[in-house]
Amino acid sequence: MDTAHIPPGYYGTRDVARALGTSPGGVRNLVYRGRLKRAGGTERHPWYRAADVAALAAARHARNAA
């Protein structure tokens, strides 16, 4: 799916993976474990809220810095 179809304030799977330093499979694993919630899109091309991704990235950074 082209990122042009993702509304402002949301990320696609590839964007989330890039922001968190993981793979698309890692993003799917985060969803499966309940750490990240889908906010729209389709089953194959979900969207995630940018604020949720930023909060998860900040929590990971804080945990790694400690």
PDB file of N, CA and C in Angstrom:
ATOM      1  N   MET A   1       0.853  -1.182   0.000  1.00  0.00           N
ATOM      2  CA  MET A   1       0.000   0.000   0.000  1.00  0.00           C
ATOM      3  C   MET A   1       0.892   1.236   0.000  1.00  0.00           C
ATOM      4  N   ASP A   2       0.542   2.175  -0.781  1.00  0.00           N
ATOM      5  CA  ASP A   2       1.274   3.429  -0.881  1.00  0.00           C
ATOM      6  C   ASP A   2       1.018   4.260   0.375  1.00  0.00           C
ATOM      7  N   THR A   3       2.064   4.876   0.908  1.00  0.00           N
ATOM      8  CA  THR A   3       1.892   5.666   2.123  1.00  0.00           C
ATOM      9  C   THR A   3       1.027   6.899   1.908  1.00  0.00           C
ATOM     10  N   ALA A   4       0.758   7.255   0.662  1.00  0.00           N
ATOM     11  CA  ALA A   4      -0.098   8.407   0.387  1.00  0.00           C
ATOM     12  C   ALA A   4      -1.528   8.147   0.853  1.00  0.00           C
ATOM     13  N   HIS A   5      -1.914   6.884   1.026  1.00  0.00           N
ATOM     14  CA  HIS A   5      -3.269   6.556   1.447  1.00  0.00           C
ATOM     15  C   HIS A   5      -3.426   6.499   2.962  1.00  0.00           C
ATOM     16  N   ILE A   6      -2.346   6.654   3.675  1.00  0.00           N
ATOM     17  CA  ILE A   6      -2.407   6.650   5.134  1.00  0.00           C
ATOM     18  C   ILE A   6      -2.692   8.081   5.600  1.00  0.00           C
ATOM     19  N   PRO A   7      -3.721   8.270   6.422  1.00  0.00           N
ATOM     20  CA  PRO A   7      -4.071   9.634   6.843  1.00  0.00           C
ATOM     21  C   PRO A   7      -2.997  10.250   7.746  1.00  0.00           C
ATOM     22  N   PRO A   8      -2.966  11.565   7.812  1.00  0.00           N
ATOM     23  CA  PRO A   8      -2.009  12.241   8.699  1.00  0.00           C
ATOM     24  C   PRO A   8      -2.212  11.790  10.144  1.00  0.00           C
ATOM     25  N   GLY A   9      -1.112  11.649  10.865  1.00  0.00           N
ATOM     26  CA  GLY A   9      -1.186  11.230  12.252  1.00  0.00           C
ATOM     27  C   GLY A   9      -1.143   9.729  12.438  1.00  0.00           C
ATOM     28  N   TYR A  10      -0.977   8.999  11.346  1.00  0.00           N
ATOM     29  CA  TYR A  10      -0.926   7.542  11.399  1.00  0.00           C
ATOM     30  C   TYR A  10       0.301   7.050  10.640  1.00  0.00           C
ATOM     31  N   TYR A  11       0.777   5.861  11.011  1.00  0.00           N
ATOM     32  CA  TYR A  11       1.905   5.228  10.335  1.00  0.00           C
ATOM     33  C   TYR A  11       1.481   3.884   9.780  1.00  0.00           C
ATOM     34  N   GLY A  12       2.112   3.489   8.692  1.00  0.00           N
ATOM     35  CA  GLY A  12       1.962   2.143   8.173  1.00  0.00           C
ATOM     36  C   GLY A  12       2.973   1.231   8.857  1.00  0.00           C
ATOM     37  N   THR A  13       2.891  -0.046   8.577  1.00  0.00           N
ATOM     38  CA  THR A  13       3.758  -1.030   9.230  1.00  0.00           C
ATOM     39  C   THR A  13       5.232  -0.747   8.980  1.00  0.00           C
ATOM     40  N   ARG A  14       5.593  -0.427   7.754  1.00  0.00           N
ATOM     41  CA  ARG A  14       7.006  -0.158   7.450  1.00  0.00           C
ATOM     42  C   ARG A  14       7.518   1.068   8.201  1.00  0.00           C
ATOM     43  N   ASP A  15       6.676   2.088   8.310  1.00  0.00           N
ATOM     44  CA  ASP A  15       7.070   3.301   9.032  1.00  0.00           C
ATOM     45  C   ASP A  15       7.264   3.005  10.524  1.00  0.00           C
ATOM     46  N   VAL A  16       6.378   2.192  11.094  1.00  0.00           N
ATOM     47  CA  VAL A  16       6.503   1.825  12.505  1.00  0.00           C
ATOM     48  C   VAL A  16       7.783   1.022  12.718  1.00  0.00           C
ATOM     49  N   ALA A  17       8.030   0.079  11.831  1.00  0.00           N
ATOM     50  CA  ALA A  17       9.237  -0.742  11.945  1.00  0.00           C
ATOM     51  C   ALA A  17      10.485   0.131  11.903  1.00  0.00           C
ATOM     52  N   ARG A  18      10.506   1.091  11.009  1.00  0.00           N
ATOM     53  CA  ARG A  18      11.650   2.006  10.898  1.00  0.00           C
ATOM     54  C   ARG A  18      11.798   2.841  12.170  1.00  0.00           C
ATOM     55  N   ALA A  19      10.688   3.332  12.706  1.00  0.00           N
ATOM     56  CA  ALA A  19      10.730   4.183  13.902  1.00  0.00           C
ATOM     57  C   ALA A  19      11.195   3.407  15.134  1.00  0.00           C
ATOM     58  N   LEU A  20      10.860   2.119  15.198  1.00  0.00           N
ATOM     59  CA  LEU A  20      11.200   1.318  16.374  1.00  0.00           C
ATOM     60  C   LEU A  20      12.482   0.519  16.179  1.00  0.00           C
ATOM     61  N   GLY A  21      13.049   0.564  14.992  1.00  0.00           N
ATOM     62  CA  GLY A  21      14.275  -0.180  14.733  1.00  0.00           C
ATOM     63  C   GLY A  21      14.053  -1.677  14.698  1.00  0.00           C
ATOM     64  N   THR A  22      12.944  -2.099  14.157  1.00  0.00           N
ATOM     65  CA  THR A  22      12.612  -3.518  14.066  1.00  0.00           C
ATOM     66  C   THR A  22      12.155  -3.842  12.656  1.00  0.00           C
ATOM     67  N   SER A  23      11.648  -5.031  12.453  1.00  0.00           N
ATOM     68  CA  SER A  23      11.157  -5.459  11.144  1.00  0.00           C
ATOM     69  C   SER A  23       9.626  -5.410  11.131  1.00  0.00           C
ATOM     70  N   PRO A  24       9.012  -5.506   9.949  1.00  0.00           N
ATOM     71  CA  PRO A  24       7.549  -5.600   9.913  1.00  0.00           C
ATOM     72  C   PRO A  24       7.027  -6.789  10.725  1.00  0.00           C
ATOM     73  N   GLY A  25       7.769  -7.880  10.745  1.00  0.00           N
ATOM     74  CA  GLY A  25       7.383  -9.020  11.573  1.00  0.00           C
ATOM     75  C   GLY A  25       7.424  -8.674  13.051  1.00  0.00           C
ATOM     76  N   GLY A  26       8.387  -7.852  13.433  1.00  0.00           N
ATOM     77  CA  GLY A  26       8.468  -7.392  14.818  1.00  0.00           C
ATOM     78  C   GLY A  26       7.277  -6.531  15.194  1.00  0.00           C
ATOM     79  N   VAL A  27       6.808  -5.731  14.244  1.00  0.00           N
ATOM     80  CA  VAL A  27       5.616  -4.901  14.485  1.00  0.00           C
ATOM     81  C   VAL A  27       4.399  -5.810  14.675  1.00  0.00           C
ATOM     82  N   ARG A  28       4.261  -6.820  13.824  1.00  0.00           N
ATOM     83  CA  ARG A  28       3.144  -7.755  13.967  1.00  0.00           C
ATOM     84  C   ARG A  28       3.209  -8.456  15.323  1.00  0.00           C
ATOM     85  N   ASN A  29       4.404  -8.769  15.779  1.00  0.00           N
ATOM     86  CA  ASN A  29       4.570  -9.403  17.082  1.00  0.00           C
ATOM     87  C   ASN A  29       4.140  -8.459  18.206  1.00  0.00           C
ATOM     88  N   LEU A  30       4.454  -7.177  18.086  1.00  0.00           N
ATOM     89  CA  LEU A  30       4.017  -6.197  19.085  1.00  0.00           C
ATOM     90  C   LEU A  30       2.494  -6.127  19.150  1.00  0.00           C
ATOM     91  N   VAL A  31       1.845  -6.206  17.990  1.00  0.00           N
ATOM     92  CA  VAL A  31       0.378  -6.202  17.951  1.00  0.00           C
ATOM     93  C   VAL A  31      -0.153  -7.468  18.607  1.00  0.00           C
ATOM     94  N   TYR A  32       0.434  -8.610  18.266  1.00  0.00           N
ATOM     95  CA  TYR A  32       0.003  -9.890  18.818  1.00  0.00           C
ATOM     96  C   TYR A  32       0.130  -9.902  20.341  1.00  0.00           C
ATOM     97  N   ARG A  33       1.185  -9.313  20.860  1.00  0.00           N
ATOM     98  CA  ARG A  33       1.419  -9.287  22.311  1.00  0.00           C
ATOM     99  C   ARG A  33       0.644  -8.179  23.019  1.00  0.00           C
ATOM    100  N   GLY A  34      -0.053  -7.344  22.267  1.00  0.00           N
ATOM    101  CA  GLY A  34      -0.870  -6.301  22.876  1.00  0.00           C
ATOM    102  C   GLY A  34      -0.115  -5.030  23.229  1.00  0.00           C
ATOM    103  N   ARG A  35       1.115  -4.894  22.765  1.00  0.00           N
ATOM    104  CA  ARG A  35       1.918  -3.702  23.059  1.00  0.00           C
ATOM    105  C   ARG A  35       1.584  -2.548  22.121  1.00  0.00           C
ATOM    106  N   LEU A  36       1.003  -2.854  20.956  1.00  0.00           N
ATOM    107  CA  LEU A  36       0.648  -1.848  19.963  1.00  0.00           C
ATOM    108  C   LEU A  36      -0.703  -2.226  19.388  1.00  0.00           C
ATOM    109  N   LYS A  37      -1.556  -1.223  19.181  1.00  0.00           N
ATOM    110  CA  LYS A  37      -2.909  -1.477  18.712  1.00  0.00           C
ATOM    111  C   LYS A  37      -3.114  -0.886  17.325  1.00  0.00           C
ATOM    112  N   ARG A  38      -3.753  -1.644  16.469  1.00  0.00           N
ATOM    113  CA  ARG A  38      -4.102  -1.128  15.137  1.00  0.00           C
ATOM    114  C   ARG A  38      -5.166  -0.055  15.283  1.00  0.00           C
ATOM    115  N   ALA A  39      -5.077   0.973  14.432  1.00  0.00           N
ATOM    116  CA  ALA A  39      -6.025   2.084  14.539  1.00  0.00           C
ATOM    117  C   ALA A  39      -6.849   2.277  13.269  1.00  0.00           C
ATOM    118  N   GLY A  40      -6.698   1.391  12.308  1.00  0.00           N
ATOM    119  CA  GLY A  40      -7.454   1.520  11.075  1.00  0.00           C
ATOM    120  C   GLY A  40      -6.766   0.765   9.959  1.00  0.00           C
ATOM    121  N   GLY A  41      -7.157   1.106   8.735  1.00  0.00           N
ATOM    122  CA  GLY A  41      -6.604   0.425   7.578  1.00  0.00           C
ATOM    123  C   GLY A  41      -7.327  -0.879   7.326  1.00  0.00           C
ATOM    124  N   THR A  42      -6.622  -1.803   6.681  1.00  0.00           N
ATOM    125  CA  THR A  42      -7.185  -3.112   6.377  1.00  0.00           C
ATOM    126  C   THR A  42      -6.387  -4.177   7.122  1.00  0.00           C
ATOM    127  N   GLU A  43      -6.822  -5.410   7.020  1.00  0.00           N
ATOM    128  CA  GLU A  43      -6.117  -6.509   7.672  1.00  0.00           C
ATOM    129  C   GLU A  43      -4.684  -6.636   7.158  1.00  0.00           C
ATOM    130  N   ARG A  44      -4.506  -6.469   5.865  1.00  0.00           N
ATOM    131  CA  ARG A  44      -3.166  -6.587   5.271  1.00  0.00           C
ATOM    132  C   ARG A  44      -2.349  -5.304   5.366  1.00  0.00           C
ATOM    133  N   HIS A  45      -3.014  -4.171   5.495  1.00  0.00           N
ATOM    134  CA  HIS A  45      -2.332  -2.874   5.522  1.00  0.00           C
ATOM    135  C   HIS A  45      -2.877  -2.013   6.660  1.00  0.00           C
ATOM    136  N   PRO A  46      -2.541  -2.371   7.892  1.00  0.00           N
ATOM    137  CA  PRO A  46      -3.072  -1.610   9.028  1.00  0.00           C
ATOM    138  C   PRO A  46      -2.350  -0.287   9.228  1.00  0.00           C
ATOM    139  N   TRP A  47      -3.013   0.603   9.951  1.00  0.00           N
ATOM    140  CA  TRP A  47      -2.429   1.872  10.356  1.00  0.00           C
ATOM    141  C   TRP A  47      -2.268   1.840  11.862  1.00  0.00           C
ATOM    142  N   TYR A  48      -1.322   2.624  12.342  1.00  0.00           N
ATOM    143  CA  TYR A  48      -1.073   2.749  13.771  1.00  0.00           C
ATOM    144  C   TYR A  48      -0.994   4.229  14.099  1.00  0.00           C
ATOM    145  N   ARG A  49      -1.547   4.634  15.243  1.00  0.00           N
ATOM    146  CA  ARG A  49      -1.492   6.040  15.653  1.00  0.00           C
ATOM    147  C   ARG A  49      -0.044   6.451  15.913  1.00  0.00           C
ATOM    148  N   ALA A  50       0.334   7.593  15.384  1.00  0.00           N
ATOM    149  CA  ALA A  50       1.696   8.099  15.561  1.00  0.00           C
ATOM    150  C   ALA A  50       1.999   8.305  17.043  1.00  0.00           C
ATOM    151  N   ALA A  51       1.021   8.742  17.827  1.00  0.00           N
ATOM    152  CA  ALA A  51       1.227   8.965  19.262  1.00  0.00           C
ATOM    153  C   ALA A  51       1.519   7.650  19.978  1.00  0.00           C
ATOM    154  N   ASP A  52       0.843   6.569  19.570  1.00  0.00           N
ATOM    155  CA  ASP A  52       1.091   5.259  20.186  1.00  0.00           C
ATOM    156  C   ASP A  52       2.499   4.768  19.864  1.00  0.00           C
ATOM    157  N   VAL A  53       2.919   4.983  18.624  1.00  0.00           N
ATOM    158  CA  VAL A  53       4.262   4.570  18.208  1.00  0.00           C
ATOM    159  C   VAL A  53       5.308   5.385  18.963  1.00  0.00           C
ATOM    160  N   ALA A  54       5.084   6.686  19.103  1.00  0.00           N
ATOM    161  CA  ALA A  54       6.030   7.543  19.816  1.00  0.00           C
ATOM    162  C   ALA A  54       6.121   7.133  21.291  1.00  0.00           C
ATOM    163  N   ALA A  55       4.992   6.794  21.912  1.00  0.00           N
ATOM    164  CA  ALA A  55       4.998   6.370  23.312  1.00  0.00           C
ATOM    165  C   ALA A  55       5.754   5.050  23.477  1.00  0.00           C
ATOM    166  N   LEU A  56       5.560   4.128  22.542  1.00  0.00           N
ATOM    167  CA  LEU A  56       6.269   2.855  22.605  1.00  0.00           C
ATOM    168  C   LEU A  56       7.766   3.057  22.399  1.00  0.00           C
ATOM    169  N   ALA A  57       8.126   3.922  21.465  1.00  0.00           N
ATOM    170  CA  ALA A  57       9.545   4.218  21.225  1.00  0.00           C
ATOM    171  C   ALA A  57      10.179   4.870  22.452  1.00  0.00           C
ATOM    172  N   ALA A  58       9.459   5.783  23.103  1.00  0.00           N
ATOM    173  CA  ALA A  58       9.985   6.448  24.297  1.00  0.00           C
ATOM    174  C   ALA A  58      10.156   5.446  25.436  1.00  0.00           C
ATOM    175  N   ALA A  59       9.205   4.538  25.601  1.00  0.00           N
ATOM    176  CA  ALA A  59       9.305   3.521  26.652  1.00  0.00           C
ATOM    177  C   ALA A  59      10.485   2.598  26.392  1.00  0.00           C
ATOM    178  N   ARG A  60      10.691   2.231  25.143  1.00  0.00           N
ATOM    179  CA  ARG A  60      11.836   1.377  24.796  1.00  0.00           C
ATOM    180  C   ARG A  60      13.149   2.109  25.055  1.00  0.00           C
ATOM    181  N   HIS A  61      13.192   3.378  24.702  1.00  0.00           N
ATOM    182  CA  HIS A  61      14.403   4.168  24.909  1.00  0.00           C
ATOM    183  C   HIS A  61      14.711   4.298  26.400  1.00  0.00           C
ATOM    184  N   ALA A  62      13.683   4.568  27.199  1.00  0.00           N
ATOM    185  CA  ALA A  62      13.873   4.713  28.646  1.00  0.00           C
ATOM    186  C   ALA A  62      14.343   3.399  29.267  1.00  0.00           C
ATOM    187  N   ARG A  63      13.765   2.290  28.808  1.00  0.00           N
ATOM    188  CA  ARG A  63      14.147   0.990  29.335  1.00  0.00           C
ATOM    189  C   ARG A  63      15.590   0.643  28.963  1.00  0.00           C
ATOM    190  N   ASN A  64      16.003   0.989  27.750  1.00  0.00           N
ATOM    191  CA  ASN A  64      17.364   0.695  27.304  1.00  0.00           C
ATOM    192  C   ASN A  64      18.395   1.623  27.949  1.00  0.00           C
ATOM    193  N   ALA A  65      17.971   2.821  28.332  1.00  0.00           N
ATOM    194  CA  ALA A  65      18.889   3.789  28.940  1.00  0.00           C
ATOM    195  C   ALA A  65      19.134   3.475  30.411  1.00  0.00           C
ATOM    196  N   ALA A  66      18.196   2.785  31.019  1.00  0.00           N
ATOM    197  CA  ALA A  66      18.321   2.474  32.461  1.00  0.00           C
ATOM    198  C   ALA A  66      19.334   1.386  32.735  1.00  0.00           C
TER     199      ALA A  66
END
